[in-house]
Amino acid sequence: MAMTADALREIQCLLEGEAPSAECVASVRKAFPGLSLTRCDASDMDTETPVLETARFNVYLIDTAEHCARISTDPAKASGLILAEKR
């Protein structure tokens, strides 16, 4: 599933909501059921550059087209997300 600019905007809106973090993540899962989603602490991703940031999350794209998954900045190659929660 490639990510579109509209999908990234929707993800940003869902993560900027007033709901608790867990509910925001659940909203993203519900809106994009075919997308792999991993949640972690922002400190786990401190050497990577997010594709978008909200007050509570940094968002990274995952490309799993090859044997090993890797972080990508290309939405067309994205098959998943990492939602890194800021603390």
N, C-alpha and C. Protein backbone atom coordinates (compact mmCIF):
# COMPACT_ATOMS: atom_id res chain seq x y z
N MET A 1 0.85 -1.18 0.00
CA MET A 1 0.00 0.00 0.00
C MET A 1 0.89 1.24 0.00
N ALA A 2 0.90 1.96 -1.07
CA ALA A 2 1.66 3.22 -1.14
C ALA A 2 0.90 4.31 -0.39
N MET A 3 1.64 5.20 0.20
CA MET A 3 1.03 6.32 0.93
C MET A 3 0.85 7.50 -0.02
N THR A 4 -0.25 8.17 0.11
CA THR A 4 -0.49 9.38 -0.67
C THR A 4 -0.34 10.58 0.25
N ALA A 5 -0.25 11.74 -0.35
CA ALA A 5 -0.20 12.98 0.44
C ALA A 5 -1.46 13.12 1.28
N ASP A 6 -2.61 12.74 0.71
CA ASP A 6 -3.87 12.80 1.46
C ASP A 6 -3.85 11.86 2.67
N ALA A 7 -3.30 10.67 2.48
CA ALA A 7 -3.22 9.70 3.58
C ALA A 7 -2.31 10.24 4.69
N LEU A 8 -1.20 10.83 4.33
CA LEU A 8 -0.30 11.40 5.34
C LEU A 8 -0.96 12.54 6.10
N ARG A 9 -1.74 13.36 5.40
CA ARG A 9 -2.48 14.43 6.08
C ARG A 9 -3.52 13.86 7.04
N GLU A 10 -4.20 12.80 6.61
CA GLU A 10 -5.19 12.17 7.48
C GLU A 10 -4.52 11.57 8.72
N ILE A 11 -3.39 10.92 8.54
CA ILE A 11 -2.65 10.36 9.66
C ILE A 11 -2.24 11.47 10.62
N GLN A 12 -1.76 12.56 10.07
CA GLN A 12 -1.37 13.69 10.92
C GLN A 12 -2.56 14.20 11.73
N CYS A 13 -3.70 14.35 11.09
CA CYS A 13 -4.90 14.82 11.79
C CYS A 13 -5.31 13.85 12.90
N LEU A 14 -5.26 12.56 12.62
CA LEU A 14 -5.64 11.56 13.62
C LEU A 14 -4.70 11.59 14.82
N LEU A 15 -3.42 11.85 14.58
CA LEU A 15 -2.44 11.87 15.67
C LEU A 15 -2.43 13.19 16.43
N GLU A 16 -3.03 14.22 15.87
CA GLU A 16 -3.08 15.51 16.54
C GLU A 16 -4.33 15.69 17.39
N GLY A 17 -5.16 14.67 17.44
CA GLY A 17 -6.39 14.77 18.22
C GLY A 17 -6.12 14.91 19.71
N GLU A 18 -7.16 15.26 20.43
CA GLU A 18 -7.06 15.47 21.88
C GLU A 18 -7.14 14.15 22.66
N ALA A 19 -7.48 13.07 22.01
CA ALA A 19 -7.62 11.78 22.68
C ALA A 19 -6.27 11.31 23.22
N PRO A 20 -6.29 10.39 24.18
CA PRO A 20 -5.04 9.80 24.66
C PRO A 20 -4.26 9.16 23.50
N SER A 21 -2.96 9.05 23.66
CA SER A 21 -2.09 8.53 22.59
C SER A 21 -2.56 7.18 22.07
N ALA A 22 -2.93 6.28 22.97
CA ALA A 22 -3.36 4.94 22.55
C ALA A 22 -4.58 5.02 21.64
N GLU A 23 -5.48 5.92 21.93
CA GLU A 23 -6.68 6.08 21.09
C GLU A 23 -6.32 6.67 19.73
N CYS A 24 -5.38 7.59 19.70
CA CYS A 24 -4.94 8.16 18.42
C CYS A 24 -4.33 7.07 17.54
N VAL A 25 -3.48 6.23 18.13
CA VAL A 25 -2.87 5.13 17.38
C VAL A 25 -3.95 4.17 16.89
N ALA A 26 -4.91 3.86 17.74
CA ALA A 26 -6.01 2.98 17.35
C ALA A 26 -6.81 3.58 16.19
N SER A 27 -6.96 4.88 16.18
CA SER A 27 -7.68 5.56 15.08
C SER A 27 -6.93 5.40 13.76
N VAL A 28 -5.61 5.48 13.81
CA VAL A 28 -4.81 5.28 12.60
C VAL A 28 -4.94 3.84 12.13
N ARG A 29 -4.86 2.89 13.05
CA ARG A 29 -5.02 1.47 12.68
C ARG A 29 -6.38 1.23 12.01
N LYS A 30 -7.42 1.83 12.56
CA LYS A 30 -8.77 1.63 12.02
C LYS A 30 -8.92 2.28 10.64
N ALA A 31 -8.33 3.45 10.46
CA ALA A 31 -8.45 4.16 9.18
C ALA A 31 -7.62 3.52 8.07
N PHE A 32 -6.56 2.79 8.44
CA PHE A 32 -5.66 2.18 7.45
C PHE A 32 -5.41 0.72 7.82
N PRO A 33 -6.44 -0.13 7.69
CA PRO A 33 -6.33 -1.52 8.16
C PRO A 33 -5.29 -2.36 7.41
N GLY A 34 -4.94 -2.03 6.19
CA GLY A 34 -3.97 -2.81 5.43
C GLY A 34 -2.53 -2.38 5.63
N LEU A 35 -2.32 -1.40 6.48
CA LEU A 35 -1.00 -0.82 6.68
C LEU A 35 -0.38 -1.38 7.96
N SER A 36 0.85 -1.85 7.85
CA SER A 36 1.58 -2.30 9.02
C SER A 36 1.87 -1.09 9.90
N LEU A 37 1.68 -1.23 11.20
CA LEU A 37 1.88 -0.11 12.11
C LEU A 37 2.63 -0.58 13.35
N THR A 38 3.72 0.12 13.65
CA THR A 38 4.52 -0.16 14.84
C THR A 38 4.57 1.09 15.69
N ARG A 39 4.42 0.91 16.99
CA ARG A 39 4.50 2.04 17.92
C ARG A 39 5.73 1.84 18.80
N CYS A 40 6.48 2.91 19.00
CA CYS A 40 7.66 2.83 19.85
C CYS A 40 7.90 4.18 20.50
N ASP A 41 8.94 4.26 21.30
CA ASP A 41 9.35 5.51 21.92
C ASP A 41 10.21 6.29 20.93
N ALA A 42 10.07 7.59 20.92
CA ALA A 42 10.83 8.43 19.99
C ALA A 42 12.34 8.23 20.14
N SER A 43 12.81 7.93 21.33
CA SER A 43 14.25 7.73 21.53
C SER A 43 14.77 6.50 20.77
N ASP A 44 13.88 5.58 20.40
CA ASP A 44 14.28 4.41 19.62
C ASP A 44 14.62 4.77 18.18
N MET A 45 14.20 5.95 17.75
CA MET A 45 14.36 6.36 16.35
C MET A 45 15.23 7.61 16.22
N ASP A 46 16.07 7.88 17.18
CA ASP A 46 16.78 9.16 17.23
C ASP A 46 17.79 9.38 16.11
N THR A 47 18.11 8.37 15.32
CA THR A 47 19.05 8.57 14.21
C THR A 47 18.34 8.69 12.86
N GLU A 48 17.02 8.60 12.86
CA GLU A 48 16.24 8.67 11.63
C GLU A 48 15.51 10.01 11.53
N THR A 49 15.11 10.37 10.32
CA THR A 49 14.37 11.60 10.07
C THR A 49 12.91 11.26 9.79
N PRO A 50 11.99 11.81 10.57
CA PRO A 50 10.58 11.49 10.35
C PRO A 50 10.03 12.16 9.09
N VAL A 51 8.99 11.54 8.52
CA VAL A 51 8.34 12.16 7.36
C VAL A 51 7.33 13.19 7.80
N LEU A 52 6.85 13.06 9.03
CA LEU A 52 6.00 14.10 9.60
C LEU A 52 6.09 14.04 11.12
N GLU A 53 5.78 15.18 11.73
CA GLU A 53 5.83 15.30 13.18
C GLU A 53 4.55 15.95 13.69
N THR A 54 4.11 15.46 14.83
CA THR A 54 3.03 16.11 15.56
C THR A 54 3.57 16.42 16.95
N ALA A 55 2.75 17.00 17.78
CA ALA A 55 3.20 17.33 19.13
C ALA A 55 3.58 16.08 19.93
N ARG A 56 2.90 14.97 19.65
CA ARG A 56 3.14 13.74 20.42
C ARG A 56 3.86 12.63 19.69
N PHE A 57 3.92 12.70 18.35
CA PHE A 57 4.50 11.60 17.57
C PHE A 57 5.41 12.10 16.45
N ASN A 58 6.44 11.30 16.18
CA ASN A 58 7.19 11.39 14.93
C ASN A 58 6.74 10.19 14.11
N VAL A 59 6.54 10.40 12.82
CA VAL A 59 6.04 9.34 11.95
C VAL A 59 7.10 9.01 10.91
N TYR A 60 7.38 7.71 10.77
CA TYR A 60 8.36 7.20 9.83
C TYR A 60 7.68 6.21 8.90
N LEU A 61 8.17 6.10 7.69
CA LEU A 61 7.64 5.15 6.72
C LEU A 61 8.52 3.91 6.68
N ILE A 62 7.89 2.77 6.51
CA ILE A 62 8.60 1.50 6.39
C ILE A 62 8.41 0.97 4.97
N ASP A 63 9.51 0.52 4.38
CA ASP A 63 9.50 -0.11 3.06
C ASP A 63 9.86 -1.58 3.26
N THR A 64 8.94 -2.47 2.94
CA THR A 64 9.19 -3.91 3.09
C THR A 64 9.24 -4.63 1.75
N ALA A 65 9.55 -3.91 0.68
CA ALA A 65 9.57 -4.51 -0.65
C ALA A 65 10.71 -5.52 -0.80
N GLU A 66 11.79 -5.32 -0.11
CA GLU A 66 12.93 -6.23 -0.16
C GLU A 66 12.82 -7.23 0.99
N HIS A 67 13.82 -8.05 1.14
CA HIS A 67 13.83 -9.07 2.19
C HIS A 67 13.76 -8.46 3.59
N CYS A 68 14.49 -7.38 3.80
CA CYS A 68 14.52 -6.72 5.11
C CYS A 68 13.75 -5.41 5.06
N ALA A 69 13.03 -5.14 6.12
CA ALA A 69 12.32 -3.86 6.22
C ALA A 69 13.32 -2.75 6.47
N ARG A 70 13.01 -1.56 5.94
CA ARG A 70 13.89 -0.41 6.16
C ARG A 70 13.07 0.86 6.20
N ILE A 71 13.64 1.88 6.84
CA ILE A 71 13.00 3.19 6.91
C ILE A 71 13.13 3.84 5.54
N SER A 72 12.07 4.49 5.10
CA SER A 72 12.05 5.16 3.81
C SER A 72 11.49 6.56 3.96
N THR A 73 11.85 7.41 3.04
CA THR A 73 11.24 8.74 2.97
C THR A 73 10.33 8.85 1.75
N ASP A 74 10.19 7.75 1.02
CA ASP A 74 9.40 7.73 -0.21
C ASP A 74 8.01 7.17 0.07
N PRO A 75 6.99 8.01 0.11
CA PRO A 75 5.64 7.52 0.39
C PRO A 75 5.16 6.46 -0.62
N ALA A 76 5.64 6.51 -1.85
CA ALA A 76 5.21 5.54 -2.86
C ALA A 76 5.68 4.13 -2.53
N LYS A 77 6.74 4.00 -1.72
CA LYS A 77 7.27 2.69 -1.36
C LYS A 77 6.83 2.23 0.02
N ALA A 78 6.06 3.03 0.71
CA ALA A 78 5.68 2.72 2.09
C ALA A 78 4.68 1.58 2.17
N SER A 79 4.98 0.64 3.03
CA SER A 79 4.05 -0.44 3.32
C SER A 79 3.67 -0.47 4.79
N GLY A 80 4.22 0.49 5.53
CA GLY A 80 3.91 0.56 6.94
C GLY A 80 4.39 1.85 7.56
N LEU A 81 4.04 2.01 8.83
CA LEU A 81 4.39 3.21 9.59
C LEU A 81 5.04 2.82 10.91
N ILE A 82 5.90 3.68 11.37
CA ILE A 82 6.36 3.63 12.75
C ILE A 82 5.87 4.92 13.39
N LEU A 83 5.13 4.79 14.47
CA LEU A 83 4.67 5.94 15.23
C LEU A 83 5.51 5.99 16.49
N ALA A 84 6.43 6.95 16.52
CA ALA A 84 7.35 7.09 17.65
C ALA A 84 6.82 8.17 18.58
N GLU A 85 6.43 7.74 19.76
CA GLU A 85 5.81 8.66 20.71
C GLU A 85 6.85 9.46 21.47
N LYS A 86 6.66 10.77 21.48
CA LYS A 86 7.53 11.67 22.24
C LYS A 86 7.10 11.63 23.69
N ARG A 87 8.03 11.68 24.58
CA ARG A 87 7.69 11.66 26.01
C ARG A 87 8.27 12.85 26.71
